[in-house]
Amino acid sequence: MRVLNLEAIAAAPAADDPYRHFVGAAVLKPDAVPGLLADFPDIKQPGFYPVTDLTVRGTFADLIADMNEPAFSQVLGEKLGLELASKPRLITIRKWSAASDGRIHTDSLSKIATTLIYLNEQWADNGGGRLRVLRGPKDFEDYTKEINPVVGSMFGFRRAENSWHGHLPFAGERKVVQITWLIDDSKVAHKTRTAKWTRWLKRLNPFSA
């Protein structure tokens, strides 16, 4: 692994309340962090961008290579109680959040599991933009964990009917790399098209969902 610390990921405790998930810290090698911040893609608009639509370079390209390694999927699968190494993956990148992002949801049926790696140097303590592990679909205050999205923080979960998560409104820079394992290859193409369509709508109306 060039950038990821698999030992730190493997050591992160998993929980089953209210659904299978884990929160990791220091999952990035310290000497790689300056390069990751410097090489983060120069994205101008809110939304998740498939990595295939971006030019990645330097240490950030090393991070993407690490995330595509079978060993990474194996460790995440063991953490979440799933076989992920053989499943198709979709990696997407976000640099900016809109105030309408972060609404409570469970993820679509096409997703098996998702992991987020955060790359923000610091974060405010007012709750905005901090992902919450929620017990239900209506109340942001009914949560079991809140993830501080600073450099090296990681959140992973197994998609389920009750895998509610989201964050209080935040508009501004919020750097995160997301990897999702999907049920089959056709869903990768579908999710890529959907991401492009959603970004186009947001350019027309930045206050849309």
N, C-alpha and C. Protein backbone atom coordinates (compact mmCIF):
# COMPACT_ATOMS: atom_id res chain seq x y z
N MET A 1 0.83 -1.19 0.00
CA MET A 1 0.00 0.00 0.00
C MET A 1 0.88 1.25 0.00
N ARG A 2 0.61 2.14 -0.94
CA ARG A 2 1.40 3.36 -1.06
C ARG A 2 0.96 4.43 -0.06
N VAL A 3 -0.35 4.52 0.15
CA VAL A 3 -0.93 5.62 0.92
C VAL A 3 -1.76 5.12 2.10
N LEU A 4 -2.54 4.07 1.91
CA LEU A 4 -3.44 3.57 2.94
C LEU A 4 -2.71 2.74 3.99
N ASN A 5 -3.16 2.86 5.23
CA ASN A 5 -2.64 2.08 6.34
C ASN A 5 -3.64 0.96 6.63
N LEU A 6 -3.42 -0.21 6.03
CA LEU A 6 -4.37 -1.31 6.20
C LEU A 6 -4.44 -1.79 7.64
N GLU A 7 -3.34 -1.68 8.38
CA GLU A 7 -3.35 -2.11 9.77
C GLU A 7 -4.32 -1.25 10.59
N ALA A 8 -4.32 0.06 10.34
CA ALA A 8 -5.24 0.94 11.07
C ALA A 8 -6.69 0.64 10.70
N ILE A 9 -6.94 0.32 9.43
CA ILE A 9 -8.30 -0.02 9.01
C ILE A 9 -8.74 -1.32 9.68
N ALA A 10 -7.86 -2.31 9.66
CA ALA A 10 -8.20 -3.60 10.27
C ALA A 10 -8.44 -3.47 11.77
N ALA A 11 -7.77 -2.52 12.41
CA ALA A 11 -7.91 -2.36 13.86
C ALA A 11 -9.15 -1.57 14.27
N ALA A 12 -9.79 -0.90 13.32
CA ALA A 12 -10.97 -0.10 13.65
C ALA A 12 -12.11 -1.00 14.12
N PRO A 13 -12.70 -0.72 15.26
CA PRO A 13 -13.77 -1.58 15.76
C PRO A 13 -15.05 -1.45 14.93
N ALA A 14 -15.67 -2.59 14.66
CA ALA A 14 -16.95 -2.60 13.95
C ALA A 14 -18.09 -2.68 14.95
N ALA A 15 -19.25 -2.21 14.54
CA ALA A 15 -20.44 -2.22 15.40
C ALA A 15 -21.65 -2.65 14.58
N ASP A 16 -22.66 -3.16 15.26
CA ASP A 16 -23.89 -3.60 14.60
C ASP A 16 -25.11 -2.79 15.03
N ASP A 17 -24.90 -1.76 15.82
CA ASP A 17 -26.00 -0.91 16.28
C ASP A 17 -25.88 0.46 15.60
N PRO A 18 -26.82 0.85 14.77
CA PRO A 18 -28.07 0.16 14.42
C PRO A 18 -27.95 -0.72 13.17
N TYR A 19 -26.77 -0.70 12.52
CA TYR A 19 -26.47 -1.55 11.37
C TYR A 19 -24.96 -1.73 11.31
N ARG A 20 -24.49 -2.66 10.52
CA ARG A 20 -23.06 -2.97 10.49
C ARG A 20 -22.27 -1.80 9.90
N HIS A 21 -21.32 -1.29 10.70
CA HIS A 21 -20.51 -0.16 10.26
C HIS A 21 -19.23 -0.10 11.08
N PHE A 22 -18.33 0.76 10.68
CA PHE A 22 -17.14 1.02 11.47
C PHE A 22 -16.66 2.44 11.21
N VAL A 23 -15.91 2.97 12.15
CA VAL A 23 -15.29 4.28 12.02
C VAL A 23 -13.80 4.11 12.28
N GLY A 24 -12.98 4.53 11.33
CA GLY A 24 -11.54 4.42 11.47
C GLY A 24 -10.87 5.78 11.57
N ALA A 25 -9.66 5.79 12.11
CA ALA A 25 -8.87 7.01 12.21
C ALA A 25 -7.44 6.71 11.79
N ALA A 26 -6.74 7.73 11.31
CA ALA A 26 -5.33 7.59 10.90
C ALA A 26 -5.15 6.47 9.87
N VAL A 27 -6.09 6.38 8.92
CA VAL A 27 -6.01 5.33 7.91
C VAL A 27 -5.10 5.71 6.74
N LEU A 28 -4.54 6.92 6.78
CA LEU A 28 -3.61 7.38 5.75
C LEU A 28 -2.21 7.49 6.35
N LYS A 29 -1.21 7.08 5.60
CA LYS A 29 0.16 7.20 6.07
C LYS A 29 0.54 8.67 6.21
N PRO A 30 1.07 9.07 7.35
CA PRO A 30 1.33 10.50 7.60
C PRO A 30 2.18 11.18 6.53
N ASP A 31 3.18 10.48 6.02
CA ASP A 31 4.05 11.13 5.03
C ASP A 31 3.37 11.31 3.68
N ALA A 32 2.20 10.69 3.48
CA ALA A 32 1.46 10.84 2.23
C ALA A 32 0.47 11.99 2.26
N VAL A 33 0.12 12.47 3.46
CA VAL A 33 -0.94 13.46 3.59
C VAL A 33 -0.66 14.75 2.83
N PRO A 34 0.53 15.37 2.94
CA PRO A 34 0.76 16.61 2.19
C PRO A 34 0.56 16.44 0.69
N GLY A 35 1.02 15.33 0.14
CA GLY A 35 0.83 15.09 -1.28
C GLY A 35 -0.62 14.89 -1.65
N LEU A 36 -1.38 14.19 -0.79
CA LEU A 36 -2.80 13.98 -1.05
C LEU A 36 -3.55 15.32 -1.11
N LEU A 37 -3.25 16.21 -0.18
CA LEU A 37 -3.91 17.50 -0.17
C LEU A 37 -3.51 18.34 -1.37
N ALA A 38 -2.25 18.28 -1.75
CA ALA A 38 -1.78 19.07 -2.88
C ALA A 38 -2.32 18.55 -4.21
N ASP A 39 -2.50 17.25 -4.31
CA ASP A 39 -2.89 16.63 -5.57
C ASP A 39 -4.39 16.36 -5.69
N PHE A 40 -5.18 16.79 -4.71
CA PHE A 40 -6.63 16.57 -4.77
C PHE A 40 -7.17 17.23 -6.04
N PRO A 41 -8.02 16.53 -6.80
CA PRO A 41 -8.53 17.09 -8.07
C PRO A 41 -9.18 18.46 -7.90
N ASP A 42 -8.98 19.31 -8.89
CA ASP A 42 -9.48 20.69 -8.86
C ASP A 42 -10.92 20.71 -9.36
N ILE A 43 -11.83 20.23 -8.51
CA ILE A 43 -13.26 20.17 -8.83
C ILE A 43 -13.89 21.51 -8.49
N LYS A 44 -14.76 22.01 -9.37
CA LYS A 44 -15.33 23.35 -9.19
C LYS A 44 -16.76 23.35 -8.66
N GLN A 45 -17.50 22.23 -8.82
CA GLN A 45 -18.92 22.20 -8.51
C GLN A 45 -19.23 21.17 -7.42
N PRO A 46 -20.36 21.35 -6.71
CA PRO A 46 -20.78 20.32 -5.74
C PRO A 46 -21.11 19.01 -6.44
N GLY A 47 -21.16 17.93 -5.65
CA GLY A 47 -21.53 16.63 -6.18
C GLY A 47 -20.36 15.67 -6.21
N PHE A 48 -20.70 14.39 -6.35
CA PHE A 48 -19.69 13.34 -6.48
C PHE A 48 -19.34 13.15 -7.94
N TYR A 49 -18.04 13.08 -8.24
CA TYR A 49 -17.54 12.88 -9.59
C TYR A 49 -16.90 11.50 -9.69
N PRO A 50 -17.33 10.64 -10.62
CA PRO A 50 -16.62 9.38 -10.83
C PRO A 50 -15.15 9.63 -11.14
N VAL A 51 -14.28 8.84 -10.55
CA VAL A 51 -12.85 9.07 -10.74
C VAL A 51 -12.47 8.95 -12.22
N THR A 52 -13.23 8.18 -12.98
CA THR A 52 -12.95 8.02 -14.41
C THR A 52 -13.21 9.30 -15.19
N ASP A 53 -13.94 10.26 -14.60
CA ASP A 53 -14.20 11.54 -15.26
C ASP A 53 -13.17 12.60 -14.91
N LEU A 54 -12.22 12.25 -14.05
CA LEU A 54 -11.25 13.23 -13.55
C LEU A 54 -9.83 12.85 -13.95
N THR A 55 -8.97 13.83 -13.93
CA THR A 55 -7.54 13.59 -14.09
C THR A 55 -6.92 13.51 -12.69
N VAL A 56 -6.39 12.36 -12.34
CA VAL A 56 -5.76 12.21 -11.03
C VAL A 56 -4.25 12.07 -11.23
N ARG A 57 -3.50 12.58 -10.26
CA ARG A 57 -2.05 12.59 -10.41
C ARG A 57 -1.39 12.43 -9.05
N GLY A 58 -0.11 12.15 -9.10
CA GLY A 58 0.72 12.15 -7.90
C GLY A 58 0.22 11.24 -6.80
N THR A 59 0.28 11.74 -5.58
CA THR A 59 -0.08 10.95 -4.41
C THR A 59 -1.57 10.60 -4.42
N PHE A 60 -2.39 11.48 -4.97
CA PHE A 60 -3.82 11.17 -5.04
C PHE A 60 -4.07 9.97 -5.96
N ALA A 61 -3.33 9.89 -7.05
CA ALA A 61 -3.43 8.72 -7.92
C ALA A 61 -3.00 7.45 -7.19
N ASP A 62 -2.02 7.59 -6.28
CA ASP A 62 -1.60 6.44 -5.47
C ASP A 62 -2.72 5.98 -4.55
N LEU A 63 -3.48 6.93 -3.98
CA LEU A 63 -4.62 6.57 -3.14
C LEU A 63 -5.65 5.77 -3.93
N ILE A 64 -5.96 6.22 -5.13
CA ILE A 64 -6.93 5.51 -5.96
C ILE A 64 -6.42 4.11 -6.30
N ALA A 65 -5.13 4.00 -6.59
CA ALA A 65 -4.56 2.67 -6.86
C ALA A 65 -4.69 1.75 -5.66
N ASP A 66 -4.43 2.28 -4.47
CA ASP A 66 -4.58 1.49 -3.24
C ASP A 66 -6.02 1.01 -3.07
N MET A 67 -6.97 1.89 -3.34
CA MET A 67 -8.38 1.54 -3.16
C MET A 67 -8.85 0.48 -4.16
N ASN A 68 -8.15 0.38 -5.27
CA ASN A 68 -8.48 -0.64 -6.26
C ASN A 68 -7.77 -1.97 -6.02
N GLU A 69 -6.90 -2.02 -5.03
CA GLU A 69 -6.18 -3.27 -4.73
C GLU A 69 -7.13 -4.28 -4.08
N PRO A 70 -7.05 -5.56 -4.46
CA PRO A 70 -7.89 -6.58 -3.83
C PRO A 70 -7.73 -6.63 -2.31
N ALA A 71 -6.53 -6.34 -1.81
CA ALA A 71 -6.30 -6.39 -0.37
C ALA A 71 -7.17 -5.39 0.37
N PHE A 72 -7.42 -4.24 -0.23
CA PHE A 72 -8.27 -3.23 0.41
C PHE A 72 -9.70 -3.74 0.51
N SER A 73 -10.23 -4.28 -0.60
CA SER A 73 -11.59 -4.83 -0.57
C SER A 73 -11.70 -6.00 0.42
N GLN A 74 -10.64 -6.78 0.53
CA GLN A 74 -10.68 -7.91 1.44
C GLN A 74 -10.77 -7.44 2.89
N VAL A 75 -9.95 -6.45 3.26
CA VAL A 75 -9.99 -5.94 4.63
C VAL A 75 -11.34 -5.32 4.94
N LEU A 76 -11.88 -4.55 4.01
CA LEU A 76 -13.19 -3.93 4.23
C LEU A 76 -14.28 -4.99 4.32
N GLY A 77 -14.17 -6.03 3.48
CA GLY A 77 -15.16 -7.10 3.54
C GLY A 77 -15.14 -7.83 4.87
N GLU A 78 -13.95 -8.09 5.39
CA GLU A 78 -13.84 -8.75 6.69
C GLU A 78 -14.45 -7.85 7.79
N LYS A 79 -14.25 -6.56 7.66
CA LYS A 79 -14.78 -5.62 8.65
C LYS A 79 -16.31 -5.60 8.64
N LEU A 80 -16.89 -5.73 7.44
CA LEU A 80 -18.33 -5.59 7.30
C LEU A 80 -19.06 -6.92 7.17
N GLY A 81 -18.32 -8.03 7.21
CA GLY A 81 -18.93 -9.33 7.11
C GLY A 81 -19.45 -9.65 5.73
N LEU A 82 -18.70 -9.22 4.71
CA LEU A 82 -19.11 -9.40 3.32
C LEU A 82 -17.93 -9.88 2.48
N GLU A 83 -18.23 -10.48 1.34
CA GLU A 83 -17.19 -10.81 0.35
C GLU A 83 -17.22 -9.70 -0.69
N LEU A 84 -16.21 -8.83 -0.66
CA LEU A 84 -16.20 -7.67 -1.54
C LEU A 84 -15.15 -7.72 -2.63
N ALA A 85 -14.13 -8.55 -2.48
CA ALA A 85 -13.00 -8.53 -3.41
C ALA A 85 -13.42 -8.82 -4.85
N SER A 86 -14.46 -9.62 -5.03
CA SER A 86 -14.89 -9.98 -6.38
C SER A 86 -15.97 -9.06 -6.92
N LYS A 87 -16.41 -8.08 -6.14
CA LYS A 87 -17.52 -7.23 -6.55
C LYS A 87 -17.03 -6.00 -7.33
N PRO A 88 -17.83 -5.53 -8.28
CA PRO A 88 -17.45 -4.31 -9.01
C PRO A 88 -17.47 -3.10 -8.08
N ARG A 89 -16.58 -2.15 -8.37
CA ARG A 89 -16.41 -0.98 -7.52
C ARG A 89 -16.64 0.30 -8.31
N LEU A 90 -17.10 1.30 -7.62
CA LEU A 90 -17.21 2.65 -8.18
C LEU A 90 -16.58 3.62 -7.20
N ILE A 91 -15.58 4.36 -7.65
CA ILE A 91 -14.92 5.36 -6.81
C ILE A 91 -15.35 6.74 -7.29
N THR A 92 -15.83 7.55 -6.36
CA THR A 92 -16.27 8.90 -6.68
C THR A 92 -15.62 9.90 -5.72
N ILE A 93 -15.48 11.14 -6.20
CA ILE A 93 -14.76 12.17 -5.45
C ILE A 93 -15.66 13.38 -5.28
N ARG A 94 -15.65 13.94 -4.08
CA ARG A 94 -16.36 15.19 -3.82
C ARG A 94 -15.37 16.20 -3.23
N LYS A 95 -15.48 17.46 -3.70
CA LYS A 95 -14.72 18.55 -3.09
C LYS A 95 -15.63 19.59 -2.45
N TRP A 96 -16.82 19.79 -3.02
CA TRP A 96 -17.72 20.82 -2.54
C TRP A 96 -19.09 20.24 -2.19
N SER A 97 -19.67 20.70 -1.10
CA SER A 97 -21.03 20.33 -0.71
C SER A 97 -21.95 21.52 -0.88
N ALA A 98 -23.19 21.22 -1.27
CA ALA A 98 -24.25 22.23 -1.30
C ALA A 98 -25.10 22.07 -0.04
N ALA A 99 -25.83 23.12 0.30
CA ALA A 99 -26.66 23.08 1.51
C ALA A 99 -27.72 22.00 1.44
N SER A 100 -28.09 21.58 0.24
CA SER A 100 -29.13 20.56 0.08
C SER A 100 -28.59 19.14 0.19
N ASP A 101 -27.27 18.96 0.28
CA ASP A 101 -26.67 17.63 0.38
C ASP A 101 -26.79 17.10 1.81
N GLY A 102 -26.63 15.78 1.94
CA GLY A 102 -26.58 15.18 3.26
C GLY A 102 -27.90 14.74 3.84
N ARG A 103 -28.97 14.77 3.05
CA ARG A 103 -30.27 14.36 3.58
C ARG A 103 -30.24 12.89 4.00
N ILE A 104 -31.05 12.54 4.97
CA ILE A 104 -31.06 11.19 5.52
C ILE A 104 -31.50 10.19 4.46
N HIS A 105 -30.73 9.11 4.31
CA HIS A 105 -31.05 8.07 3.34
C HIS A 105 -30.36 6.77 3.74
N THR A 106 -30.67 5.70 3.03
CA THR A 106 -30.09 4.39 3.34
C THR A 106 -29.14 3.88 2.27
N ASP A 107 -29.09 4.48 1.09
CA ASP A 107 -28.43 4.04 -0.13
C ASP A 107 -29.34 3.09 -0.91
N SER A 108 -29.11 3.03 -2.20
CA SER A 108 -29.97 2.25 -3.09
C SER A 108 -29.70 0.76 -2.98
N LEU A 109 -30.64 -0.04 -3.45
CA LEU A 109 -30.53 -1.50 -3.41
C LEU A 109 -29.37 -2.02 -4.25
N SER A 110 -28.88 -1.24 -5.21
CA SER A 110 -27.78 -1.69 -6.07
C SER A 110 -26.44 -1.68 -5.34
N LYS A 111 -26.39 -1.04 -4.17
CA LYS A 111 -25.15 -0.95 -3.41
C LYS A 111 -25.08 -2.05 -2.36
N ILE A 112 -23.87 -2.61 -2.21
CA ILE A 112 -23.62 -3.63 -1.18
C ILE A 112 -23.01 -2.99 0.06
N ALA A 113 -22.02 -2.15 -0.17
CA ALA A 113 -21.31 -1.49 0.94
C ALA A 113 -20.66 -0.22 0.41
N THR A 114 -20.40 0.71 1.31
CA THR A 114 -19.77 1.98 0.95
C THR A 114 -18.76 2.35 2.02
N THR A 115 -17.65 2.93 1.59
CA THR A 115 -16.65 3.45 2.51
C THR A 115 -16.26 4.86 2.07
N LEU A 116 -16.11 5.74 3.04
CA LEU A 116 -15.74 7.13 2.80
C LEU A 116 -14.42 7.43 3.49
N ILE A 117 -13.52 8.10 2.78
CA ILE A 117 -12.24 8.55 3.34
C ILE A 117 -12.21 10.07 3.23
N TYR A 118 -12.03 10.73 4.37
CA TYR A 118 -12.11 12.19 4.40
C TYR A 118 -10.72 12.82 4.31
N LEU A 119 -10.69 14.04 3.73
CA LEU A 119 -9.41 14.70 3.47
C LEU A 119 -9.47 16.20 3.77
N ASN A 120 -10.12 16.56 4.87
CA ASN A 120 -10.20 17.96 5.26
C ASN A 120 -9.23 18.23 6.41
N GLU A 121 -8.45 19.29 6.29
CA GLU A 121 -7.40 19.56 7.28
C GLU A 121 -7.98 19.87 8.66
N GLN A 122 -9.15 20.48 8.70
CA GLN A 122 -9.80 20.77 9.98
C GLN A 122 -11.29 20.86 9.75
N TRP A 123 -12.07 20.85 10.85
CA TRP A 123 -13.51 20.92 10.71
C TRP A 123 -14.12 21.61 11.91
N ALA A 124 -15.18 22.36 11.65
CA ALA A 124 -15.86 23.09 12.72
C ALA A 124 -16.64 22.12 13.61
N ASP A 125 -16.98 22.56 14.80
CA ASP A 125 -17.64 21.70 15.79
C ASP A 125 -19.15 21.95 15.89
N ASN A 126 -19.75 22.61 14.90
CA ASN A 126 -21.17 22.93 15.01
C ASN A 126 -22.08 21.83 14.46
N GLY A 127 -21.51 20.72 14.03
CA GLY A 127 -22.31 19.59 13.55
C GLY A 127 -22.54 19.57 12.06
N GLY A 128 -22.51 20.71 11.39
CA GLY A 128 -22.73 20.75 9.96
C GLY A 128 -21.68 19.96 9.20
N GLY A 129 -22.12 19.08 8.29
CA GLY A 129 -21.21 18.31 7.48
C GLY A 129 -20.60 17.10 8.14
N ARG A 130 -20.94 16.85 9.40
CA ARG A 130 -20.41 15.67 10.10
C ARG A 130 -21.40 14.51 9.93
N LEU A 131 -20.98 13.48 9.21
CA LEU A 131 -21.87 12.36 8.94
C LEU A 131 -22.30 11.69 10.24
N ARG A 132 -23.59 11.35 10.32
CA ARG A 132 -24.13 10.70 11.52
C ARG A 132 -24.70 9.32 11.17
N VAL A 133 -24.43 8.36 12.03
CA VAL A 133 -25.03 7.02 11.96
C VAL A 133 -26.36 7.11 12.69
N LEU A 134 -27.44 7.00 11.94
CA LEU A 134 -28.77 7.32 12.46
C LEU A 134 -29.62 6.07 12.71
N ARG A 135 -30.52 6.17 13.66
CA ARG A 135 -31.42 5.06 13.97
C ARG A 135 -32.69 5.06 13.12
N GLY A 136 -32.98 6.14 12.45
CA GLY A 136 -34.20 6.22 11.67
C GLY A 136 -34.13 7.32 10.63
N PRO A 137 -35.22 7.49 9.86
CA PRO A 137 -35.20 8.38 8.71
C PRO A 137 -35.60 9.82 8.97
N LYS A 138 -35.91 10.17 10.22
CA LYS A 138 -36.54 11.48 10.45
C LYS A 138 -35.76 12.42 11.36
N ASP A 139 -34.92 11.90 12.24
CA ASP A 139 -34.36 12.73 13.31
C ASP A 139 -32.84 12.69 13.29
N PHE A 140 -32.21 13.82 12.95
CA PHE A 140 -30.75 13.90 12.96
C PHE A 140 -30.18 13.76 14.37
N GLU A 141 -30.99 13.99 15.38
CA GLU A 141 -30.49 13.92 16.75
C GLU A 141 -30.52 12.50 17.31
N ASP A 142 -31.15 11.57 16.61
CA ASP A 142 -31.22 10.18 17.05
C ASP A 142 -30.10 9.39 16.37
N TYR A 143 -28.86 9.59 16.85
CA TYR A 143 -27.70 8.99 16.21
C TYR A 143 -26.81 8.28 17.22
N THR A 144 -26.02 7.33 16.71
CA THR A 144 -25.11 6.59 17.58
C THR A 144 -23.66 7.06 17.44
N LYS A 145 -23.30 7.59 16.28
CA LYS A 145 -21.95 8.10 16.05
C LYS A 145 -22.00 9.30 15.13
N GLU A 146 -21.01 10.16 15.28
CA GLU A 146 -20.83 11.31 14.40
C GLU A 146 -19.37 11.31 13.95
N ILE A 147 -19.15 11.37 12.65
CA ILE A 147 -17.80 11.25 12.10
C ILE A 147 -17.24 12.63 11.80
N ASN A 148 -16.10 12.94 12.39
CA ASN A 148 -15.39 14.18 12.11
C ASN A 148 -14.64 14.00 10.79
N PRO A 149 -14.98 14.75 9.72
CA PRO A 149 -14.43 14.48 8.39
C PRO A 149 -13.04 15.06 8.15
N VAL A 150 -12.13 14.85 9.10
CA VAL A 150 -10.78 15.36 8.95
C VAL A 150 -9.89 14.31 8.27
N VAL A 151 -8.73 14.75 7.84
CA VAL A 151 -7.80 13.87 7.11
C VAL A 151 -7.57 12.57 7.87
N GLY A 152 -7.78 11.46 7.16
CA GLY A 152 -7.51 10.15 7.73
C GLY A 152 -8.68 9.49 8.41
N SER A 153 -9.82 10.20 8.52
CA SER A 153 -11.02 9.57 9.07
C SER A 153 -11.68 8.72 8.00
N MET A 154 -12.26 7.60 8.42
CA MET A 154 -12.91 6.68 7.49
C MET A 154 -14.21 6.19 8.11
N PHE A 155 -15.23 6.08 7.27
CA PHE A 155 -16.50 5.50 7.68
C PHE A 155 -16.91 4.47 6.64
N GLY A 156 -17.24 3.26 7.08
CA GLY A 156 -17.70 2.22 6.17
C GLY A 156 -18.94 1.55 6.72
N PHE A 157 -19.84 1.12 5.84
CA PHE A 157 -21.05 0.47 6.31
C PHE A 157 -21.59 -0.50 5.27
N ARG A 158 -22.34 -1.46 5.77
CA ARG A 158 -23.03 -2.42 4.92
C ARG A 158 -24.44 -1.90 4.65
N ARG A 159 -24.78 -1.81 3.38
CA ARG A 159 -26.10 -1.29 3.02
C ARG A 159 -27.19 -2.24 3.54
N ALA A 160 -28.21 -1.65 4.15
CA ALA A 160 -29.34 -2.41 4.69
C ALA A 160 -30.58 -1.54 4.63
N GLU A 161 -31.72 -2.12 4.91
CA GLU A 161 -32.96 -1.37 4.90
C GLU A 161 -32.97 -0.27 5.96
N ASN A 162 -32.14 -0.45 7.00
CA ASN A 162 -32.10 0.53 8.08
C ASN A 162 -30.76 1.26 8.17
N SER A 163 -29.99 1.27 7.08
CA SER A 163 -28.66 1.91 7.14
C SER A 163 -28.78 3.42 6.94
N TRP A 164 -29.55 4.05 7.82
CA TRP A 164 -29.80 5.48 7.73
C TRP A 164 -28.54 6.28 8.08
N HIS A 165 -28.25 7.27 7.28
CA HIS A 165 -27.11 8.16 7.56
C HIS A 165 -27.33 9.47 6.82
N GLY A 166 -26.61 10.48 7.23
CA GLY A 166 -26.71 11.80 6.62
C GLY A 166 -26.00 12.81 7.49
N HIS A 167 -26.04 14.06 7.09
CA HIS A 167 -25.41 15.10 7.91
C HIS A 167 -26.22 16.38 7.86
N LEU A 168 -26.09 17.17 8.90
CA LEU A 168 -26.73 18.48 8.95
C LEU A 168 -26.21 19.35 7.80
N PRO A 169 -27.03 20.32 7.35
CA PRO A 169 -26.64 21.12 6.17
C PRO A 169 -25.27 21.77 6.32
N PHE A 170 -24.55 21.72 5.21
CA PHE A 170 -23.25 22.38 5.13
C PHE A 170 -23.01 22.77 3.68
N ALA A 171 -22.57 23.99 3.45
CA ALA A 171 -22.21 24.46 2.12
C ALA A 171 -20.77 24.93 2.14
N GLY A 172 -19.94 24.35 1.30
CA GLY A 172 -18.54 24.74 1.24
C GLY A 172 -17.66 23.56 0.90
N GLU A 173 -16.36 23.74 1.13
CA GLU A 173 -15.40 22.69 0.78
C GLU A 173 -15.50 21.53 1.77
N ARG A 174 -15.68 20.34 1.23
CA ARG A 174 -15.81 19.13 2.06
C ARG A 174 -15.25 17.97 1.24
N LYS A 175 -13.97 17.69 1.42
CA LYS A 175 -13.27 16.72 0.57
C LYS A 175 -13.47 15.30 1.08
N VAL A 176 -13.90 14.44 0.17
CA VAL A 176 -14.12 13.05 0.53
C VAL A 176 -13.96 12.17 -0.71
N VAL A 177 -13.42 10.99 -0.50
CA VAL A 177 -13.32 9.97 -1.54
C VAL A 177 -14.21 8.81 -1.12
N GLN A 178 -15.08 8.39 -2.00
CA GLN A 178 -16.05 7.33 -1.71
C GLN A 178 -15.83 6.13 -2.61
N ILE A 179 -15.84 4.95 -2.04
CA ILE A 179 -15.81 3.73 -2.83
C ILE A 179 -17.05 2.92 -2.47
N THR A 180 -17.76 2.50 -3.51
CA THR A 180 -18.98 1.72 -3.33
C THR A 180 -18.83 0.40 -4.07
N TRP A 181 -19.21 -0.67 -3.41
CA TRP A 181 -19.24 -1.98 -4.05
C TRP A 181 -20.68 -2.25 -4.48
N LEU A 182 -20.85 -2.68 -5.74
CA LEU A 182 -22.17 -2.81 -6.32
C LEU A 182 -22.48 -4.26 -6.66
N ILE A 183 -23.77 -4.54 -6.88
CA ILE A 183 -24.18 -5.93 -7.08
C ILE A 183 -23.71 -6.50 -8.40
N ASP A 184 -23.56 -5.65 -9.44
CA ASP A 184 -23.04 -6.15 -10.71
C ASP A 184 -22.51 -4.98 -11.54
N ASP A 185 -21.82 -5.30 -12.63
CA ASP A 185 -21.15 -4.28 -13.44
C ASP A 185 -22.12 -3.30 -14.08
N SER A 186 -23.34 -3.74 -14.39
CA SER A 186 -24.29 -2.84 -15.02
C SER A 186 -24.62 -1.67 -14.11
N LYS A 187 -24.57 -1.90 -12.80
CA LYS A 187 -24.89 -0.84 -11.85
C LYS A 187 -23.79 0.22 -11.79
N VAL A 188 -22.55 -0.15 -12.12
CA VAL A 188 -21.46 0.83 -12.16
C VAL A 188 -21.75 1.85 -13.24
N ALA A 189 -22.10 1.37 -14.44
CA ALA A 189 -22.41 2.28 -15.55
C ALA A 189 -23.62 3.14 -15.23
N HIS A 190 -24.63 2.55 -14.61
CA HIS A 190 -25.83 3.30 -14.26
C HIS A 190 -25.52 4.40 -13.24
N LYS A 191 -24.76 4.07 -12.21
CA LYS A 191 -24.42 5.06 -11.19
C LYS A 191 -23.57 6.18 -11.77
N THR A 192 -22.70 5.86 -12.72
CA THR A 192 -21.87 6.88 -13.36
C THR A 192 -22.73 7.85 -14.15
N ARG A 193 -23.70 7.33 -14.90
CA ARG A 193 -24.62 8.19 -15.66
C ARG A 193 -25.47 9.04 -14.72
N THR A 194 -25.93 8.45 -13.63
CA THR A 194 -26.76 9.18 -12.67
C THR A 194 -25.99 10.33 -12.04
N ALA A 195 -24.73 10.09 -11.70
CA ALA A 195 -23.91 11.15 -11.09
C ALA A 195 -23.76 12.33 -12.04
N LYS A 196 -23.56 12.04 -13.33
CA LYS A 196 -23.42 13.12 -14.31
C LYS A 196 -24.72 13.91 -14.43
N TRP A 197 -25.86 13.22 -14.45
CA TRP A 197 -27.16 13.87 -14.57
C TRP A 197 -27.43 14.74 -13.35
N THR A 198 -27.14 14.24 -12.16
CA THR A 198 -27.37 15.00 -10.94
C THR A 198 -26.52 16.26 -10.91
N ARG A 199 -25.25 16.16 -11.34
CA ARG A 199 -24.39 17.35 -11.36
C ARG A 199 -24.91 18.38 -12.35
N TRP A 200 -25.44 17.93 -13.49
CA TRP A 200 -25.98 18.85 -14.48
C TRP A 200 -27.17 19.60 -13.91
N LEU A 201 -28.06 18.88 -13.19
CA LEU A 201 -29.20 19.54 -12.57
C LEU A 201 -28.77 20.56 -11.54
N LYS A 202 -27.74 20.24 -10.76
CA LYS A 202 -27.27 21.16 -9.74
C LYS A 202 -26.67 22.43 -10.35
N ARG A 203 -26.05 22.30 -11.54
CA ARG A 203 -25.53 23.50 -12.20
C ARG A 203 -26.67 24.41 -12.63
N LEU A 204 -27.82 23.81 -13.03
CA LEU A 204 -28.98 24.62 -13.40
C LEU A 204 -29.62 25.25 -12.17
N ASN A 205 -29.67 24.45 -11.08
CA ASN A 205 -30.31 24.93 -9.85
C ASN A 205 -29.50 24.43 -8.66
N PRO A 206 -28.58 25.24 -8.15
CA PRO A 206 -27.72 24.80 -7.04
C PRO A 206 -28.46 24.50 -5.76
N PHE A 207 -29.76 24.87 -5.66
CA PHE A 207 -30.52 24.61 -4.45
C PHE A 207 -31.40 23.38 -4.58
N SER A 208 -31.26 22.63 -5.70
CA SER A 208 -32.05 21.42 -5.87
C SER A 208 -31.50 20.31 -5.01
N ALA A 209 -32.28 19.24 -4.79
CA ALA A 209 -31.85 18.11 -3.97
C ALA A 209 -30.76 17.34 -4.67
